[in-house]
Amino acid sequence: MEATPKSQIAELVRSSQNILLLSHASPDGDSIGSSLAFNLVLKKMGKTVDMAIFDNLDQSCSFLPGFSDIKNDIAASSDLVITIDTKQTGEEMKLGQKKMAEDHKLVIVVSPTKGVLVPEDVVVTRSRPKYDLVVFLDCSEAERIGDKFEELKDLLFETPTVSIDHHATNSYFAKVNWVDMTAASTTEMLVSLTESLGRNENYLDADVATCLLTGLMFDTGSFQNGNTTPKSLTVAAQLVAAGARQQEIVEKIYMTRSLVTLKLWGKILSNIHEEKENNFVWASISNDEAKKVGADLDTDGTGGVMDELLKTVSGVDFVLMLKENGDSVNGSLRSVDKTFNVSEISKLFGGGGHIVASGFKVKGEYQPTVDLIIEKIKTQLGSVPKATQGVEEIPQS
């Protein structure tokens, strides 16, 4: 009998010591919650773990244990890698070294057997650390980890990879792919994996359960969205029984808004535009506009205004929010008409997600890029198919 993806992942985890956890750019409660929960479980197993999310983190999740351990880069190892372009010399070379103790220097001599090396032929870099396993959490494609993907291609090629995800758009890019499209969140999936890894140990303590419940509540809109299933509610009850601090999650994520955040939301709402002919509504916010109300788009949450206010607009197919992010513009889409497939719009810009909630990122100067995005959506709307009637509502993660 062939092993299931979940059992294959459990065996890979057990046989690995140095593990890297990655999740998607523009992180949310599910990506952060799943990373933190799995990090805690792996450490209980005695593993050495690095977590990395290559983007600004949603600070509403900063109360979760281990949040400050999430890195936005992968530190280089202590090894230096010398790469030599051998097109002019061939690969036959002699290596020598000379110690200059009085100057505290070591001279390395590279002598090609033919031709001449010039300094431009030699590149010195720091090597990446070695991992036994790379785990992608809540990530439908490897490229969704963001701008660091190109830098990490060699690492990802050389290292066994695992994908744990619930997106229908998952491309099955890893060596082992566990994709459960019926799951409301990646954290919902991790509950059973945690139990499998525990065997005779109980790894589902209060901290792990709190991280997992955070992701589940986030992706179900606190159990208000249509993707909430009987299993989701059963898993939530299990997590609360394990000690998940449900009231703390509600307070930190849903009930606590700083005055600056409210001012930021007000600015976003003042920027609403209605496209009557194309039946959608959009709003935008730039870094300069945020600064005028004392906000920072990197740290002051904008996701809440999307999920709590913009998607309540009636009489349109979908809503869109555009946010400046460094040298790019991030787009978040939510269906108002649940038969409208917003993931098809995200694909126009290389993004993706769910039928009713998706996102994308476009590089470019803020205002021209906003104009380009809106014009392209208006032009392409005629070719965007509607989703099948009765689809489950699954928020972007």
Protein backbone atom coordinates (compact mmCIF):
# COMPACT_ATOMS: atom_id res chain seq x y z
CA MET A 1 0.00 0.00 0.00
CA GLU A 2 1.43 3.35 -1.06
CA ALA A 3 2.15 5.80 1.75
CA THR A 4 -0.02 8.90 1.89
CA PRO A 5 1.59 12.34 1.44
CA LYS A 6 1.00 13.06 5.14
CA SER A 7 2.77 9.87 6.24
CA GLN A 8 5.63 10.55 3.80
CA ILE A 9 6.04 14.02 5.28
CA ALA A 10 6.04 12.61 8.81
CA GLU A 11 8.85 10.21 7.90
CA LEU A 12 10.86 12.94 6.17
CA VAL A 13 10.52 15.15 9.24
CA ARG A 14 11.59 12.35 11.59
CA SER A 15 14.68 11.59 9.49
CA SER A 16 15.75 15.25 9.14
CA GLN A 17 17.61 17.39 11.67
CA ASN A 18 18.05 20.84 10.09
CA ILE A 19 14.73 22.08 8.72
CA LEU A 20 13.76 25.31 6.97
CA LEU A 21 10.15 26.56 7.06
CA LEU A 22 9.01 28.93 4.30
CA SER A 23 5.69 30.59 3.59
CA HIS A 24 4.29 33.07 1.10
CA ALA A 25 4.94 36.79 0.77
CA SER A 26 2.15 39.12 1.95
CA PRO A 27 1.74 36.78 4.95
CA ASP A 28 -1.53 36.43 6.85
CA GLY A 29 -2.78 34.68 9.97
CA ASP A 30 -2.71 31.22 8.39
CA SER A 31 0.81 31.46 6.96
CA ILE A 32 2.17 32.95 10.19
CA GLY A 33 0.18 30.65 12.47
CA SER A 34 1.19 27.50 10.58
CA SER A 35 4.87 28.53 10.55
CA LEU A 36 4.92 29.26 14.28
CA ALA A 37 3.00 26.13 15.25
CA PHE A 38 5.16 23.80 13.16
CA ASN A 39 8.29 25.50 14.46
CA LEU A 40 7.23 24.74 18.03
CA VAL A 41 6.39 21.12 17.20
CA LEU A 42 9.71 20.54 15.43
CA LYS A 43 11.66 22.02 18.33
CA LYS A 44 9.83 19.69 20.71
CA MET A 45 11.18 16.89 18.51
CA GLY A 46 14.73 18.18 18.98
CA LYS A 47 15.07 19.60 15.47
CA THR A 48 17.07 22.68 14.48
CA VAL A 49 14.62 25.00 12.74
CA ASP A 50 14.76 28.25 10.77
CA MET A 51 11.58 30.12 9.81
CA ALA A 52 11.62 32.69 7.01
CA ILE A 53 8.94 34.89 5.45
CA PHE A 54 10.39 37.34 2.94
CA ASP A 55 8.00 40.22 3.50
CA ASN A 56 6.62 42.49 6.19
CA LEU A 57 4.71 40.59 8.85
CA ASP A 58 1.17 41.31 10.00
CA GLN A 59 1.85 42.76 13.45
CA SER A 60 -1.58 41.72 14.71
CA CYS A 61 -0.03 38.26 15.09
CA SER A 62 2.91 39.50 17.17
CA PHE A 63 1.36 38.08 20.36
CA LEU A 64 1.94 34.53 19.11
CA PRO A 65 4.84 32.57 20.65
CA GLY A 66 7.98 32.62 18.48
CA PHE A 67 6.82 35.55 16.31
CA SER A 68 10.13 37.41 16.75
CA ASP A 69 12.02 34.32 15.52
CA ILE A 70 10.61 34.63 11.99
CA LYS A 71 13.42 35.85 9.72
CA ASN A 72 13.13 37.92 6.54
CA ASP A 73 16.28 36.38 5.11
CA ILE A 74 18.31 33.21 5.42
CA ALA A 75 21.64 33.90 7.05
CA ALA A 76 24.73 32.84 5.14
CA SER A 77 26.97 30.14 6.59
CA SER A 78 30.57 30.71 7.64
CA ASP A 79 31.84 29.24 4.35
CA LEU A 80 33.09 31.40 1.50
CA VAL A 81 32.49 30.18 -2.04
CA ILE A 82 34.96 31.20 -4.77
CA THR A 83 33.48 30.93 -8.25
CA ILE A 84 35.83 31.20 -11.24
CA ASP A 85 34.73 31.83 -14.81
CA THR A 86 36.80 29.34 -16.82
CA LYS A 87 35.68 30.18 -20.35
CA GLN A 88 39.09 31.68 -21.22
CA THR A 89 41.30 29.32 -19.22
CA GLY A 90 39.65 25.92 -19.05
CA GLU A 91 39.03 24.12 -15.76
CA GLU A 92 42.58 22.79 -15.16
CA MET A 93 44.13 24.98 -12.43
CA LYS A 94 46.62 24.75 -9.62
CA LEU A 95 45.75 26.09 -6.18
CA GLY A 96 48.36 27.28 -3.72
CA GLN A 97 48.42 29.27 -0.54
CA LYS A 98 50.89 31.45 1.30
CA LYS A 99 50.64 32.44 4.95
CA MET A 100 51.62 35.99 5.91
CA ALA A 101 51.50 35.59 9.67
CA GLU A 102 52.92 39.03 10.46
CA ASP A 103 50.09 40.67 8.48
CA HIS A 104 47.47 38.14 9.59
CA LYS A 105 46.74 37.24 5.97
CA LEU A 106 46.41 34.12 3.87
CA VAL A 107 47.13 34.48 0.15
CA ILE A 108 45.44 31.97 -2.15
CA VAL A 109 47.08 31.59 -5.56
CA VAL A 110 45.08 30.29 -8.53
CA SER A 111 47.23 29.38 -11.54
CA PRO A 112 45.47 28.29 -14.76
CA THR A 113 47.38 25.87 -16.98
CA LYS A 114 46.48 28.02 -19.98
CA GLY A 115 45.23 31.53 -20.55
CA VAL A 116 45.06 34.34 -18.01
CA LEU A 117 42.65 34.95 -15.17
CA VAL A 118 41.51 38.50 -14.49
CA PRO A 119 39.82 39.73 -11.29
CA GLU A 120 36.48 39.96 -13.11
CA ASP A 121 36.57 36.18 -13.60
CA VAL A 122 36.46 35.57 -9.84
CA VAL A 123 33.40 36.02 -7.60
CA VAL A 124 33.47 35.46 -3.84
CA THR A 125 30.17 34.81 -2.03
CA ARG A 126 28.94 33.44 1.28
CA SER A 127 27.35 30.01 1.04
CA ARG A 128 23.85 29.28 2.25
CA PRO A 129 23.41 27.00 5.26
CA LYS A 130 22.69 23.34 4.62
CA TYR A 131 19.23 21.96 5.36
CA ASP A 132 17.98 18.38 5.37
CA LEU A 133 14.44 19.46 4.50
CA VAL A 134 12.57 22.55 3.29
CA VAL A 135 8.88 22.77 4.19
CA PHE A 136 6.58 25.16 2.31
CA LEU A 137 3.51 26.07 4.35
CA ASP A 138 0.36 27.60 2.85
CA CYS A 139 2.23 28.20 -0.41
CA SER A 140 0.65 27.23 -3.75
CA GLU A 141 3.88 27.74 -5.73
CA ALA A 142 7.53 27.98 -4.77
CA GLU A 143 7.70 31.42 -6.41
CA ARG A 144 5.13 32.72 -3.91
CA ILE A 145 7.83 33.00 -1.24
CA GLY A 146 8.66 36.29 -2.96
CA ASP A 147 11.74 38.13 -4.14
CA LYS A 148 14.21 35.69 -2.54
CA PHE A 149 13.07 32.80 -4.73
CA GLU A 150 15.75 33.35 -7.39
CA GLU A 151 18.50 33.50 -4.73
CA LEU A 152 17.30 30.23 -3.20
CA LYS A 153 16.83 28.22 -6.39
CA ASP A 154 20.01 26.19 -5.88
CA LEU A 155 19.15 25.46 -2.25
CA LEU A 156 15.63 24.35 -3.19
CA PHE A 157 16.97 22.20 -6.03
CA GLU A 158 19.52 20.45 -3.83
CA THR A 159 17.30 19.90 -0.77
CA PRO A 160 14.24 17.65 -0.33
CA THR A 161 11.10 19.79 -0.31
CA VAL A 162 7.62 19.37 1.14
CA SER A 163 4.45 21.38 0.47
CA ILE A 164 1.57 21.49 2.97
CA ASP A 165 -1.25 23.57 1.54
CA HIS A 166 -5.00 23.90 1.05
CA HIS A 167 -5.13 26.03 -2.12
CA ALA A 168 -6.86 24.64 -5.21
CA THR A 169 -4.22 26.47 -7.28
CA ASN A 170 -1.31 24.47 -5.81
CA SER A 171 1.08 23.45 -8.60
CA TYR A 172 2.45 20.35 -6.78
CA PHE A 173 5.96 21.75 -7.05
CA ALA A 174 7.62 19.96 -4.13
CA LYS A 175 9.04 16.46 -3.81
CA VAL A 176 6.12 15.55 -1.53
CA ASN A 177 2.86 17.51 -1.81
CA TRP A 178 0.05 17.27 0.73
CA VAL A 179 -2.73 19.44 -0.66
CA ASP A 180 -6.16 19.26 0.98
CA MET A 181 -8.59 21.58 -0.79
CA THR A 182 -11.35 20.66 1.66
CA ALA A 183 -9.37 22.10 4.57
CA ALA A 184 -10.29 25.63 5.61
CA SER A 185 -6.68 26.48 6.44
CA THR A 186 -3.19 25.03 6.47
CA THR A 187 -3.27 25.12 10.27
CA GLU A 188 -6.32 22.81 10.18
CA MET A 189 -4.18 20.28 8.30
CA LEU A 190 -1.31 20.62 10.75
CA VAL A 191 -3.44 19.39 13.64
CA SER A 192 -3.48 15.81 12.31
CA LEU A 193 0.19 15.99 11.28
CA THR A 194 1.12 17.12 14.80
CA GLU A 195 -0.74 14.11 16.18
CA SER A 196 1.06 11.79 13.72
CA LEU A 197 4.46 13.17 14.67
CA GLY A 198 3.72 12.89 18.37
CA ARG A 199 3.06 9.17 18.44
CA ASN A 200 3.43 8.64 22.21
CA GLU A 201 4.18 12.34 22.88
CA ASN A 202 1.62 15.14 23.13
CA TYR A 203 2.98 18.01 21.06
CA LEU A 204 -0.37 19.81 20.96
CA ASP A 205 0.14 22.11 23.95
CA ALA A 206 -1.47 25.51 24.58
CA ASP A 207 1.07 27.49 22.54
CA VAL A 208 0.89 25.20 19.51
CA ALA A 209 -2.91 25.10 19.72
CA THR A 210 -3.10 28.92 19.93
CA CYS A 211 -1.00 29.31 16.76
CA LEU A 212 -3.11 26.72 14.93
CA LEU A 213 -6.42 28.23 16.03
CA THR A 214 -5.23 31.67 14.92
CA GLY A 215 -4.73 30.42 11.36
CA LEU A 216 -8.06 28.61 11.35
CA MET A 217 -9.96 31.62 12.66
CA PHE A 218 -8.20 33.92 10.21
CA ASP A 219 -8.99 31.86 7.12
CA THR A 220 -12.61 31.26 8.14
CA GLY A 221 -13.17 34.90 9.12
CA SER A 222 -13.73 33.73 12.69
CA PHE A 223 -16.05 31.00 11.34
CA GLN A 224 -18.20 33.46 9.38
CA ASN A 225 -17.04 32.47 5.88
CA GLY A 226 -18.60 29.78 3.71
CA ASN A 227 -15.52 27.56 3.93
CA THR A 228 -16.33 26.79 7.57
CA THR A 229 -17.07 23.06 7.66
CA PRO A 230 -18.14 20.66 10.41
CA LYS A 231 -14.52 19.49 10.50
CA SER A 232 -13.32 23.09 10.99
CA LEU A 233 -15.57 23.46 14.02
CA THR A 234 -14.54 20.05 15.38
CA VAL A 235 -10.84 20.94 14.99
CA ALA A 236 -11.46 24.32 16.65
CA ALA A 237 -13.09 22.59 19.60
CA GLN A 238 -10.13 20.21 19.82
CA LEU A 239 -7.69 23.13 19.85
CA VAL A 240 -9.63 24.99 22.56
CA ALA A 241 -9.66 21.78 24.61
CA ALA A 242 -5.87 21.60 24.15
CA GLY A 243 -5.53 25.06 25.70
CA ALA A 244 -5.76 27.42 22.71
CA ARG A 245 -6.25 30.95 24.00
CA GLN A 246 -9.30 31.75 21.88
CA GLN A 247 -10.20 34.95 23.71
CA GLU A 248 -6.68 36.30 23.33
CA ILE A 249 -6.88 35.65 19.58
CA VAL A 250 -10.21 37.48 19.35
CA GLU A 251 -8.88 40.41 21.35
CA LYS A 252 -5.57 40.79 19.50
CA ILE A 253 -6.77 40.21 15.94
CA TYR A 254 -10.40 41.34 15.91
CA MET A 255 -10.97 43.69 18.84
CA THR A 256 -7.78 45.75 19.06
CA ARG A 257 -7.22 48.65 16.64
CA SER A 258 -4.80 51.47 17.25
CA LEU A 259 -5.88 55.05 16.56
CA VAL A 260 -3.29 55.18 13.77
CA THR A 261 -4.79 52.09 12.14
CA LEU A 262 -8.27 53.60 12.26
CA LYS A 263 -6.93 56.79 10.65
CA LEU A 264 -5.28 54.65 7.97
CA TRP A 265 -8.54 52.84 7.30
CA GLY A 266 -10.29 56.20 7.03
CA LYS A 267 -7.79 57.33 4.41
CA ILE A 268 -8.26 54.12 2.44
CA LEU A 269 -12.04 54.49 2.55
CA SER A 270 -11.73 58.08 1.32
CA ASN A 271 -9.92 56.70 -1.73
CA ILE A 272 -12.75 54.40 -2.86
CA HIS A 273 -13.54 54.38 -6.59
CA GLU A 274 -16.58 52.79 -8.19
CA GLU A 275 -16.28 51.33 -11.68
CA LYS A 276 -19.98 51.14 -12.56
CA GLU A 277 -19.55 49.83 -16.10
CA ASN A 278 -17.36 46.97 -14.89
CA ASN A 279 -19.21 46.42 -11.61
CA PHE A 280 -16.36 46.55 -9.11
CA VAL A 281 -15.05 48.87 -6.40
CA TRP A 282 -11.43 49.60 -5.57
CA ALA A 283 -9.37 51.65 -3.14
CA SER A 284 -5.67 52.44 -2.90
CA ILE A 285 -3.13 53.75 -0.42
CA SER A 286 0.41 55.03 -0.95
CA ASN A 287 3.25 55.28 1.53
CA ASP A 288 3.05 59.08 1.45
CA GLU A 289 -0.69 59.04 2.21
CA ALA A 290 -0.11 56.65 5.10
CA LYS A 291 2.64 58.85 6.54
CA LYS A 292 0.32 61.87 6.55
CA VAL A 293 -1.90 60.12 9.11
CA GLY A 294 1.11 58.84 11.06
CA ALA A 295 0.84 55.29 9.76
CA ASP A 296 3.40 52.89 8.32
CA LEU A 297 2.14 50.45 5.68
CA ASP A 298 4.81 47.97 6.78
CA THR A 299 3.50 47.67 10.33
CA ASP A 300 -0.02 49.13 10.56
CA GLY A 301 -2.55 46.60 9.30
CA THR A 302 -4.55 47.16 6.13
CA GLY A 303 -6.03 43.66 5.90
CA GLY A 304 -8.80 44.46 8.34
CA VAL A 305 -10.24 47.25 6.24
CA MET A 306 -10.50 44.80 3.34
CA ASP A 307 -12.19 41.97 5.20
CA GLU A 308 -14.30 43.99 7.62
CA LEU A 309 -15.42 46.91 5.47
CA LEU A 310 -14.70 46.82 1.74
CA LYS A 311 -16.07 43.33 1.10
CA THR A 312 -19.40 44.33 2.68
CA VAL A 313 -20.12 46.60 -0.31
CA SER A 314 -23.31 45.42 -2.05
CA GLY A 315 -24.29 45.33 -5.70
CA VAL A 316 -20.79 44.68 -7.17
CA ASP A 317 -18.92 41.58 -8.31
CA PHE A 318 -15.76 42.18 -6.30
CA VAL A 319 -13.62 44.68 -4.42
CA LEU A 320 -9.93 45.43 -4.85
CA MET A 321 -7.40 47.14 -2.61
CA LEU A 322 -4.03 48.34 -3.91
CA LYS A 323 -1.20 49.14 -1.51
CA GLU A 324 2.26 50.52 -2.17
CA ASN A 325 4.95 48.11 -1.01
CA GLY A 326 8.50 49.33 -1.65
CA ASP A 327 9.06 49.34 -5.39
CA SER A 328 5.84 47.38 -5.99
CA VAL A 329 2.08 47.55 -5.61
CA ASN A 330 0.25 44.75 -3.77
CA GLY A 331 -3.29 43.90 -4.80
CA SER A 332 -5.90 42.08 -2.69
CA LEU A 333 -9.19 40.92 -4.21
CA ARG A 334 -12.40 39.70 -2.54
CA SER A 335 -15.54 38.46 -4.27
CA VAL A 336 -18.79 40.10 -3.23
CA ASP A 337 -20.76 38.02 -5.73
CA LYS A 338 -19.53 34.58 -4.58
CA THR A 339 -19.87 33.23 -8.14
CA PHE A 340 -17.21 35.66 -9.40
CA ASN A 341 -13.75 34.09 -9.70
CA VAL A 342 -11.25 36.74 -8.54
CA SER A 343 -8.30 34.35 -8.81
CA GLU A 344 -8.58 34.71 -12.59
CA ILE A 345 -7.97 38.45 -12.20
CA SER A 346 -4.94 37.83 -9.98
CA LYS A 347 -3.51 35.55 -12.66
CA LEU A 348 -3.43 38.53 -15.04
CA PHE A 349 -0.64 39.88 -12.83
CA GLY A 350 1.12 36.63 -11.97
CA GLY A 351 -0.76 36.19 -8.71
CA GLY A 352 -3.20 33.61 -7.44
CA GLY A 353 -5.24 32.37 -4.55
CA HIS A 354 -8.81 31.23 -4.10
CA ILE A 355 -11.97 31.69 -6.15
CA VAL A 356 -13.36 34.30 -3.76
CA ALA A 357 -10.11 35.78 -2.41
CA SER A 358 -6.74 36.23 -4.06
CA GLY A 359 -3.78 38.55 -4.41
CA PHE A 360 -0.93 39.68 -6.61
CA LYS A 361 2.14 41.91 -6.70
CA VAL A 362 3.27 44.18 -9.54
CA LYS A 363 6.65 45.92 -9.62
CA GLY A 364 6.71 49.57 -10.62
CA GLU A 365 6.25 53.17 -9.53
CA TYR A 366 3.10 53.56 -7.44
CA GLN A 367 0.68 55.76 -9.41
CA PRO A 368 1.53 54.55 -12.94
CA THR A 369 1.30 50.95 -11.71
CA VAL A 370 -2.09 51.56 -10.07
CA ASP A 371 -3.34 53.08 -13.32
CA LEU A 372 -1.98 50.14 -15.31
CA ILE A 373 -3.62 47.58 -13.00
CA ILE A 374 -7.05 49.22 -13.13
CA GLU A 375 -6.94 49.66 -16.89
CA LYS A 376 -5.89 46.05 -17.46
CA ILE A 377 -8.67 44.74 -15.21
CA LYS A 378 -11.27 46.84 -17.02
CA THR A 379 -9.97 45.64 -20.38
CA GLN A 380 -9.83 41.98 -19.42
CA LEU A 381 -13.02 41.64 -17.38
CA GLY A 382 -14.93 40.25 -20.32
CA SER A 383 -12.67 37.18 -20.39
CA VAL A 384 -12.80 36.41 -16.65
CA PRO A 385 -15.01 33.34 -16.05
CA LYS A 386 -17.43 33.16 -13.18
CA ALA A 387 -16.90 30.44 -10.61
CA THR A 388 -19.23 27.48 -10.29
CA GLN A 389 -22.34 28.28 -8.31
CA GLY A 390 -22.21 27.20 -4.69
CA VAL A 391 -18.43 27.21 -4.23
CA GLU A 392 -17.11 27.32 -0.71
CA GLU A 393 -15.80 30.68 0.38
CA ILE A 394 -12.09 30.36 1.12
CA PRO A 395 -10.15 33.50 2.02
CA GLN A 396 -6.73 34.31 0.54
CA SER A 397 -3.81 32.94 2.47
